Amino acid sequence: MTEETKKQRFRRLAKSRGDRLLKEINLLGNLANKKNYEFDAADVEALFSAIEDELRETKSKFDPEIKSARRVEFDG
């Protein structure tokens, strides 16, 4: 039995985790059904803004050219 290489392990886990994430995103889309749910543009923006921020942060771990958007900010 051959040992799994780092690349093989990455691809196996990336496929599994990516497929699971895509399934969850698809389920999230079910919330767009206005017959079952009530929401406004601000709700949608808050939801997708958080998702996009987290996606950007995660992608930055793979590409050093992408800068992190996480910052500490103080009002005033």
PDB file of N, CA and C in Angstrom:
ATOM      1  N   MET A   1       0.846  -1.183   0.000  1.00  0.00           N
ATOM      2  CA  MET A   1       0.000   0.000   0.000  1.00  0.00           C
ATOM      3  C   MET A   1       0.891   1.245   0.000  1.00  0.00           C
ATOM      4  N   THR A   2       0.632   2.161  -0.924  1.00  0.00           N
ATOM      5  CA  THR A   2       1.455   3.361  -1.016  1.00  0.00           C
ATOM      6  C   THR A   2       0.925   4.439  -0.089  1.00  0.00           C
ATOM      7  N   GLU A   3       1.843   5.225   0.416  1.00  0.00           N
ATOM      8  CA  GLU A   3       1.480   6.311   1.317  1.00  0.00           C
ATOM      9  C   GLU A   3       0.941   7.489   0.502  1.00  0.00           C
ATOM     10  N   GLU A   4      -0.059   8.129   1.019  1.00  0.00           N
ATOM     11  CA  GLU A   4      -0.663   9.282   0.360  1.00  0.00           C
ATOM     12  C   GLU A   4       0.317  10.458   0.385  1.00  0.00           C
ATOM     13  N   THR A   5       0.502  11.109  -0.765  1.00  0.00           N
ATOM     14  CA  THR A   5       1.381  12.279  -0.815  1.00  0.00           C
ATOM     15  C   THR A   5       0.649  13.493  -0.244  1.00  0.00           C
ATOM     16  N   LYS A   6       1.394  14.537   0.038  1.00  0.00           N
ATOM     17  CA  LYS A   6       0.789  15.772   0.550  1.00  0.00           C
ATOM     18  C   LYS A   6      -0.201  16.351  -0.460  1.00  0.00           C
ATOM     19  N   LYS A   7       0.145  16.289  -1.734  1.00  0.00           N
ATOM     20  CA  LYS A   7      -0.750  16.809  -2.776  1.00  0.00           C
ATOM     21  C   LYS A   7      -2.024  15.976  -2.859  1.00  0.00           C
ATOM     22  N   GLN A   8      -1.886  14.658  -2.787  1.00  0.00           N
ATOM     23  CA  GLN A   8      -3.061  13.784  -2.820  1.00  0.00           C
ATOM     24  C   GLN A   8      -3.961  14.050  -1.616  1.00  0.00           C
ATOM     25  N   ARG A   9      -3.346  14.215  -0.446  1.00  0.00           N
ATOM     26  CA  ARG A   9      -4.128  14.497   0.758  1.00  0.00           C
ATOM     27  C   ARG A   9      -4.853  15.836   0.625  1.00  0.00           C
ATOM     28  N   PHE A  10      -4.127  16.865   0.093  1.00  0.00           N
ATOM     29  CA  PHE A  10      -4.749  18.171  -0.123  1.00  0.00           C
ATOM     30  C   PHE A  10      -5.962  18.043  -1.034  1.00  0.00           C
ATOM     31  N   ARG A  11      -5.784  17.372  -2.163  1.00  0.00           N
ATOM     32  CA  ARG A  11      -6.874  17.248  -3.135  1.00  0.00           C
ATOM     33  C   ARG A  11      -8.059  16.472  -2.568  1.00  0.00           C
ATOM     34  N   ARG A  12      -7.774  15.415  -1.819  1.00  0.00           N
ATOM     35  CA  ARG A  12      -8.853  14.617  -1.222  1.00  0.00           C
ATOM     36  C   ARG A  12      -9.652  15.469  -0.229  1.00  0.00           C
ATOM     37  N   LEU A  13      -8.937  16.164   0.651  1.00  0.00           N
ATOM     38  CA  LEU A  13      -9.625  16.985   1.649  1.00  0.00           C
ATOM     39  C   LEU A  13     -10.290  18.207   1.021  1.00  0.00           C
ATOM     40  N   ALA A  14      -9.627  18.826   0.032  1.00  0.00           N
ATOM     41  CA  ALA A  14     -10.207  19.994  -0.634  1.00  0.00           C
ATOM     42  C   ALA A  14     -11.500  19.619  -1.347  1.00  0.00           C
ATOM     43  N   LYS A  15     -11.524  18.463  -1.986  1.00  0.00           N
ATOM     44  CA  LYS A  15     -12.746  18.017  -2.663  1.00  0.00           C
ATOM     45  C   LYS A  15     -13.859  17.790  -1.660  1.00  0.00           C
ATOM     46  N   SER A  16     -13.563  17.089  -0.594  1.00  0.00           N
ATOM     47  CA  SER A  16     -14.570  16.790   0.418  1.00  0.00           C
ATOM     48  C   SER A  16     -15.109  18.069   1.063  1.00  0.00           C
ATOM     49  N   ARG A  17     -14.209  18.932   1.486  1.00  0.00           N
ATOM     50  CA  ARG A  17     -14.625  20.173   2.154  1.00  0.00           C
ATOM     51  C   ARG A  17     -15.281  21.134   1.180  1.00  0.00           C
ATOM     52  N   GLY A  18     -14.760  21.199  -0.049  1.00  0.00           N
ATOM     53  CA  GLY A  18     -15.356  22.064  -1.065  1.00  0.00           C
ATOM     54  C   GLY A  18     -16.760  21.613  -1.435  1.00  0.00           C
ATOM     55  N   ASP A  19     -16.946  20.300  -1.614  1.00  0.00           N
ATOM     56  CA  ASP A  19     -18.278  19.770  -1.928  1.00  0.00           C
ATOM     57  C   ASP A  19     -19.260  20.063  -0.798  1.00  0.00           C
ATOM     58  N   ARG A  20     -18.794  19.904   0.447  1.00  0.00           N
ATOM     59  CA  ARG A  20     -19.654  20.180   1.600  1.00  0.00           C
ATOM     60  C   ARG A  20     -20.034  21.661   1.645  1.00  0.00           C
ATOM     61  N   LEU A  21     -19.080  22.538   1.368  1.00  0.00           N
ATOM     62  CA  LEU A  21     -19.333  23.971   1.351  1.00  0.00           C
ATOM     63  C   LEU A  21     -20.324  24.347   0.249  1.00  0.00           C
ATOM     64  N   LEU A  22     -20.147  23.779  -0.938  1.00  0.00           N
ATOM     65  CA  LEU A  22     -21.074  24.057  -2.039  1.00  0.00           C
ATOM     66  C   LEU A  22     -22.493  23.611  -1.708  1.00  0.00           C
ATOM     67  N   LYS A  23     -22.621  22.486  -1.027  1.00  0.00           N
ATOM     68  CA  LYS A  23     -23.940  22.009  -0.616  1.00  0.00           C
ATOM     69  C   LYS A  23     -24.582  22.997   0.359  1.00  0.00           C
ATOM     70  N   GLU A  24     -23.801  23.499   1.304  1.00  0.00           N
ATOM     71  CA  GLU A  24     -24.327  24.462   2.276  1.00  0.00           C
ATOM     72  C   GLU A  24     -24.718  25.777   1.604  1.00  0.00           C
ATOM     73  N   ILE A  25     -23.931  26.219   0.635  1.00  0.00           N
ATOM     74  CA  ILE A  25     -24.271  27.440  -0.099  1.00  0.00           C
ATOM     75  C   ILE A  25     -25.573  27.242  -0.859  1.00  0.00           C
ATOM     76  N   ASN A  26     -25.748  26.070  -1.451  1.00  0.00           N
ATOM     77  CA  ASN A  26     -26.989  25.762  -2.152  1.00  0.00           C
ATOM     78  C   ASN A  26     -28.175  25.822  -1.190  1.00  0.00           C
ATOM     79  N   LEU A  27     -28.004  25.267   0.005  1.00  0.00           N
ATOM     80  CA  LEU A  27     -29.072  25.317   1.009  1.00  0.00           C
ATOM     81  C   LEU A  27     -29.365  26.751   1.428  1.00  0.00           C
ATOM     82  N   LEU A  28     -28.333  27.569   1.514  1.00  0.00           N
ATOM     83  CA  LEU A  28     -28.511  28.971   1.855  1.00  0.00           C
ATOM     84  C   LEU A  28     -29.405  29.658   0.827  1.00  0.00           C
ATOM     85  N   GLY A  29     -29.258  29.266  -0.427  1.00  0.00           N
ATOM     86  CA  GLY A  29     -30.077  29.825  -1.491  1.00  0.00           C
ATOM     87  C   GLY A  29     -31.563  29.567  -1.303  1.00  0.00           C
ATOM     88  N   ASN A  30     -31.895  28.516  -0.573  1.00  0.00           N
ATOM     89  CA  ASN A  30     -33.308  28.232  -0.303  1.00  0.00           C
ATOM     90  C   ASN A  30     -33.965  29.341   0.511  1.00  0.00           C
ATOM     91  N   LEU A  31     -33.163  30.111   1.241  1.00  0.00           N
ATOM     92  CA  LEU A  31     -33.709  31.215   2.035  1.00  0.00           C
ATOM     93  C   LEU A  31     -34.258  32.343   1.168  1.00  0.00           C
ATOM     94  N   ALA A  32     -33.978  32.324  -0.119  1.00  0.00           N
ATOM     95  CA  ALA A  32     -34.467  33.358  -1.028  1.00  0.00           C
ATOM     96  C   ALA A  32     -35.954  33.194  -1.344  1.00  0.00           C
ATOM     97  N   ASN A  33     -36.554  32.105  -0.900  1.00  0.00           N
ATOM     98  CA  ASN A  33     -37.970  31.842  -1.159  1.00  0.00           C
ATOM     99  C   ASN A  33     -38.831  32.769  -0.301  1.00  0.00           C
ATOM    100  N   LYS A  34     -39.384  33.799  -0.933  1.00  0.00           N
ATOM    101  CA  LYS A  34     -40.177  34.804  -0.206  1.00  0.00           C
ATOM    102  C   LYS A  34     -41.521  34.266   0.281  1.00  0.00           C
ATOM    103  N   LYS A  35     -41.925  33.095  -0.188  1.00  0.00           N
ATOM    104  CA  LYS A  35     -43.151  32.487   0.334  1.00  0.00           C
ATOM    105  C   LYS A  35     -42.935  31.962   1.745  1.00  0.00           C
ATOM    106  N   ASN A  36     -41.680  31.619   2.064  1.00  0.00           N
ATOM    107  CA  ASN A  36     -41.375  31.038   3.370  1.00  0.00           C
ATOM    108  C   ASN A  36     -40.613  31.965   4.301  1.00  0.00           C
ATOM    109  N   TYR A  37     -39.957  32.989   3.746  1.00  0.00           N
ATOM    110  CA  TYR A  37     -39.086  33.839   4.554  1.00  0.00           C
ATOM    111  C   TYR A  37     -39.312  35.300   4.223  1.00  0.00           C
ATOM    112  N   GLU A  38     -39.061  36.143   5.206  1.00  0.00           N
ATOM    113  CA  GLU A  38     -39.148  37.587   5.012  1.00  0.00           C
ATOM    114  C   GLU A  38     -37.777  38.184   5.292  1.00  0.00           C
ATOM    115  N   PHE A  39     -37.287  39.000   4.367  1.00  0.00           N
ATOM    116  CA  PHE A  39     -35.980  39.623   4.525  1.00  0.00           C
ATOM    117  C   PHE A  39     -35.942  40.882   3.681  1.00  0.00           C
ATOM    118  N   ASP A  40     -34.984  41.750   3.983  1.00  0.00           N
ATOM    119  CA  ASP A  40     -34.809  42.948   3.170  1.00  0.00           C
ATOM    120  C   ASP A  40     -33.371  42.999   2.651  1.00  0.00           C
ATOM    121  N   ALA A  41     -33.084  44.022   1.879  1.00  0.00           N
ATOM    122  CA  ALA A  41     -31.766  44.136   1.252  1.00  0.00           C
ATOM    123  C   ALA A  41     -30.653  44.199   2.294  1.00  0.00           C
ATOM    124  N   ALA A  42     -30.913  44.833   3.431  1.00  0.00           N
ATOM    125  CA  ALA A  42     -29.898  44.927   4.486  1.00  0.00           C
ATOM    126  C   ALA A  42     -29.573  43.546   5.056  1.00  0.00           C
ATOM    127  N   ASP A  43     -30.582  42.703   5.203  1.00  0.00           N
ATOM    128  CA  ASP A  43     -30.357  41.335   5.690  1.00  0.00           C
ATOM    129  C   ASP A  43     -29.471  40.556   4.719  1.00  0.00           C
ATOM    130  N   VAL A  44     -29.792  40.673   3.443  1.00  0.00           N
ATOM    131  CA  VAL A  44     -29.036  39.958   2.413  1.00  0.00           C
ATOM    132  C   VAL A  44     -27.601  40.478   2.365  1.00  0.00           C
ATOM    133  N   GLU A  45     -27.437  41.791   2.439  1.00  0.00           N
ATOM    134  CA  GLU A  45     -26.098  42.385   2.416  1.00  0.00           C
ATOM    135  C   GLU A  45     -25.280  41.930   3.619  1.00  0.00           C
ATOM    136  N   ALA A  46     -25.876  41.907   4.796  1.00  0.00           N
ATOM    137  CA  ALA A  46     -25.160  41.462   5.999  1.00  0.00           C
ATOM    138  C   ALA A  46     -24.721  40.008   5.864  1.00  0.00           C
ATOM    139  N   LEU A  47     -25.601  39.175   5.364  1.00  0.00           N
ATOM    140  CA  LEU A  47     -25.298  37.758   5.192  1.00  0.00           C
ATOM    141  C   LEU A  47     -24.135  37.550   4.226  1.00  0.00           C
ATOM    142  N   PHE A  48     -24.257  38.132   3.027  1.00  0.00           N
ATOM    143  CA  PHE A  48     -23.245  37.889   2.010  1.00  0.00           C
ATOM    144  C   PHE A  48     -21.953  38.653   2.263  1.00  0.00           C
ATOM    145  N   SER A  49     -22.032  39.768   2.944  1.00  0.00           N
ATOM    146  CA  SER A  49     -20.819  40.498   3.302  1.00  0.00           C
ATOM    147  C   SER A  49     -19.946  39.652   4.222  1.00  0.00           C
ATOM    148  N   ALA A  50     -20.559  39.027   5.210  1.00  0.00           N
ATOM    149  CA  ALA A  50     -19.811  38.165   6.135  1.00  0.00           C
ATOM    150  C   ALA A  50     -19.211  36.971   5.399  1.00  0.00           C
ATOM    151  N   ILE A  51     -19.978  36.376   4.506  1.00  0.00           N
ATOM    152  CA  ILE A  51     -19.488  35.222   3.741  1.00  0.00           C
ATOM    153  C   ILE A  51     -18.329  35.635   2.832  1.00  0.00           C
ATOM    154  N   GLU A  52     -18.492  36.752   2.129  1.00  0.00           N
ATOM    155  CA  GLU A  52     -17.441  37.222   1.228  1.00  0.00           C
ATOM    156  C   GLU A  52     -16.171  37.582   1.992  1.00  0.00           C
ATOM    157  N   ASP A  53     -16.313  38.206   3.171  1.00  0.00           N
ATOM    158  CA  ASP A  53     -15.146  38.540   3.993  1.00  0.00           C
ATOM    159  C   ASP A  53     -14.398  37.283   4.414  1.00  0.00           C
ATOM    160  N   GLU A  54     -15.129  36.290   4.853  1.00  0.00           N
ATOM    161  CA  GLU A  54     -14.491  35.051   5.300  1.00  0.00           C
ATOM    162  C   GLU A  54     -13.842  34.317   4.130  1.00  0.00           C
ATOM    163  N   LEU A  55     -14.487  34.333   2.987  1.00  0.00           N
ATOM    164  CA  LEU A  55     -13.915  33.708   1.793  1.00  0.00           C
ATOM    165  C   LEU A  55     -12.619  34.410   1.388  1.00  0.00           C
ATOM    166  N   ARG A  56     -12.626  35.739   1.422  1.00  0.00           N
ATOM    167  CA  ARG A  56     -11.431  36.519   1.086  1.00  0.00           C
ATOM    168  C   ARG A  56     -10.291  36.193   2.061  1.00  0.00           C
ATOM    169  N   GLU A  57     -10.607  36.118   3.348  1.00  0.00           N
ATOM    170  CA  GLU A  57      -9.601  35.786   4.357  1.00  0.00           C
ATOM    171  C   GLU A  57      -9.015  34.398   4.119  1.00  0.00           C
ATOM    172  N   THR A  58      -9.875  33.451   3.842  1.00  0.00           N
ATOM    173  CA  THR A  58      -9.411  32.084   3.615  1.00  0.00           C
ATOM    174  C   THR A  58      -8.567  32.004   2.351  1.00  0.00           C
ATOM    175  N   LYS A  59      -8.997  32.674   1.296  1.00  0.00           N
ATOM    176  CA  LYS A  59      -8.233  32.666   0.044  1.00  0.00           C
ATOM    177  C   LYS A  59      -6.864  33.312   0.237  1.00  0.00           C
ATOM    178  N   SER A  60      -6.780  34.321   1.085  1.00  0.00           N
ATOM    179  CA  SER A  60      -5.502  35.001   1.318  1.00  0.00           C
ATOM    180  C   SER A  60      -4.469  34.068   1.943  1.00  0.00           C
ATOM    181  N   LYS A  61      -4.918  33.014   2.598  1.00  0.00           N
ATOM    182  CA  LYS A  61      -3.988  32.044   3.174  1.00  0.00           C
ATOM    183  C   LYS A  61      -3.258  31.261   2.087  1.00  0.00           C
ATOM    184  N   PHE A  62      -3.852  31.170   0.910  1.00  0.00           N
ATOM    185  CA  PHE A  62      -3.273  30.437  -0.207  1.00  0.00           C
ATOM    186  C   PHE A  62      -2.442  31.326  -1.125  1.00  0.00           C
ATOM    187  N   ASP A  63      -2.671  32.636  -1.081  1.00  0.00           N
ATOM    188  CA  ASP A  63      -2.012  33.566  -1.997  1.00  0.00           C
ATOM    189  C   ASP A  63      -1.483  34.769  -1.224  1.00  0.00           C
ATOM    190  N   PRO A  64      -0.168  34.879  -1.070  1.00  0.00           N
ATOM    191  CA  PRO A  64       0.394  35.991  -0.295  1.00  0.00           C
ATOM    192  C   PRO A  64       0.158  37.361  -0.931  1.00  0.00           C
ATOM    193  N   GLU A  65      -0.253  37.400  -2.198  1.00  0.00           N
ATOM    194  CA  GLU A  65      -0.543  38.668  -2.867  1.00  0.00           C
ATOM    195  C   GLU A  65      -1.863  39.279  -2.390  1.00  0.00           C
ATOM    196  N   ILE A  66      -2.731  38.442  -1.852  1.00  0.00           N
ATOM    197  CA  ILE A  66      -4.024  38.920  -1.360  1.00  0.00           C
ATOM    198  C   ILE A  66      -3.837  39.389   0.073  1.00  0.00           C
ATOM    199  N   LYS A  67      -4.163  40.620   0.327  1.00  0.00           N
ATOM    200  CA  LYS A  67      -3.981  41.198   1.653  1.00  0.00           C
ATOM    201  C   LYS A  67      -5.190  40.903   2.536  1.00  0.00           C
ATOM    202  N   SER A  68      -4.911  40.676   3.800  1.00  0.00           N
ATOM    203  CA  SER A  68      -5.973  40.456   4.771  1.00  0.00           C
ATOM    204  C   SER A  68      -6.758  41.746   4.963  1.00  0.00           C
ATOM    205  N   ALA A  69      -8.064  41.626   5.087  1.00  0.00           N
ATOM    206  CA  ALA A  69      -8.920  42.791   5.306  1.00  0.00           C
ATOM    207  C   ALA A  69      -9.244  42.972   6.783  1.00  0.00           C
ATOM    208  N   ARG A  70      -8.810  42.055   7.602  1.00  0.00           N
ATOM    209  CA  ARG A  70      -9.116  42.147   9.026  1.00  0.00           C
ATOM    210  C   ARG A  70      -8.271  43.238   9.664  1.00  0.00           C
ATOM    211  N   ARG A  71      -8.932  44.135  10.324  1.00  0.00           N
ATOM    212  CA  ARG A  71      -8.276  45.258  10.978  1.00  0.00           C
ATOM    213  C   ARG A  71      -9.023  45.583  12.266  1.00  0.00           C
ATOM    214  N   VAL A  72      -8.289  46.108  13.220  1.00  0.00           N
ATOM    215  CA  VAL A  72      -8.910  46.648  14.426  1.00  0.00           C
ATOM    216  C   VAL A  72      -9.216  48.106  14.143  1.00  0.00           C
ATOM    217  N   GLU A  73     -10.458  48.493  14.363  1.00  0.00           N
ATOM    218  CA  GLU A  73     -10.850  49.878  14.116  1.00  0.00           C
ATOM    219  C   GLU A  73     -11.565  50.419  15.339  1.00  0.00           C
ATOM    220  N   PHE A  74     -11.244  51.662  15.688  1.00  0.00           N
ATOM    221  CA  PHE A  74     -11.886  52.339  16.805  1.00  0.00           C
ATOM    222  C   PHE A  74     -12.664  53.532  16.277  1.00  0.00           C
ATOM    223  N   ASP A  75     -13.855  53.744  16.809  1.00  0.00           N
ATOM    224  CA  ASP A  75     -14.653  54.905  16.425  1.00  0.00           C
ATOM    225  C   ASP A  75     -14.082  56.145  17.099  1.00  0.00           C
ATOM    226  N   GLY A  76     -14.117  57.268  16.374  1.00  0.00           N
ATOM    227  CA  GLY A  76     -13.724  58.552  16.952  1.00  0.00           C
ATOM    228  C   GLY A  76     -12.318  58.772  16.998  1.00  0.00           C
TER     229      GLY A  76
END
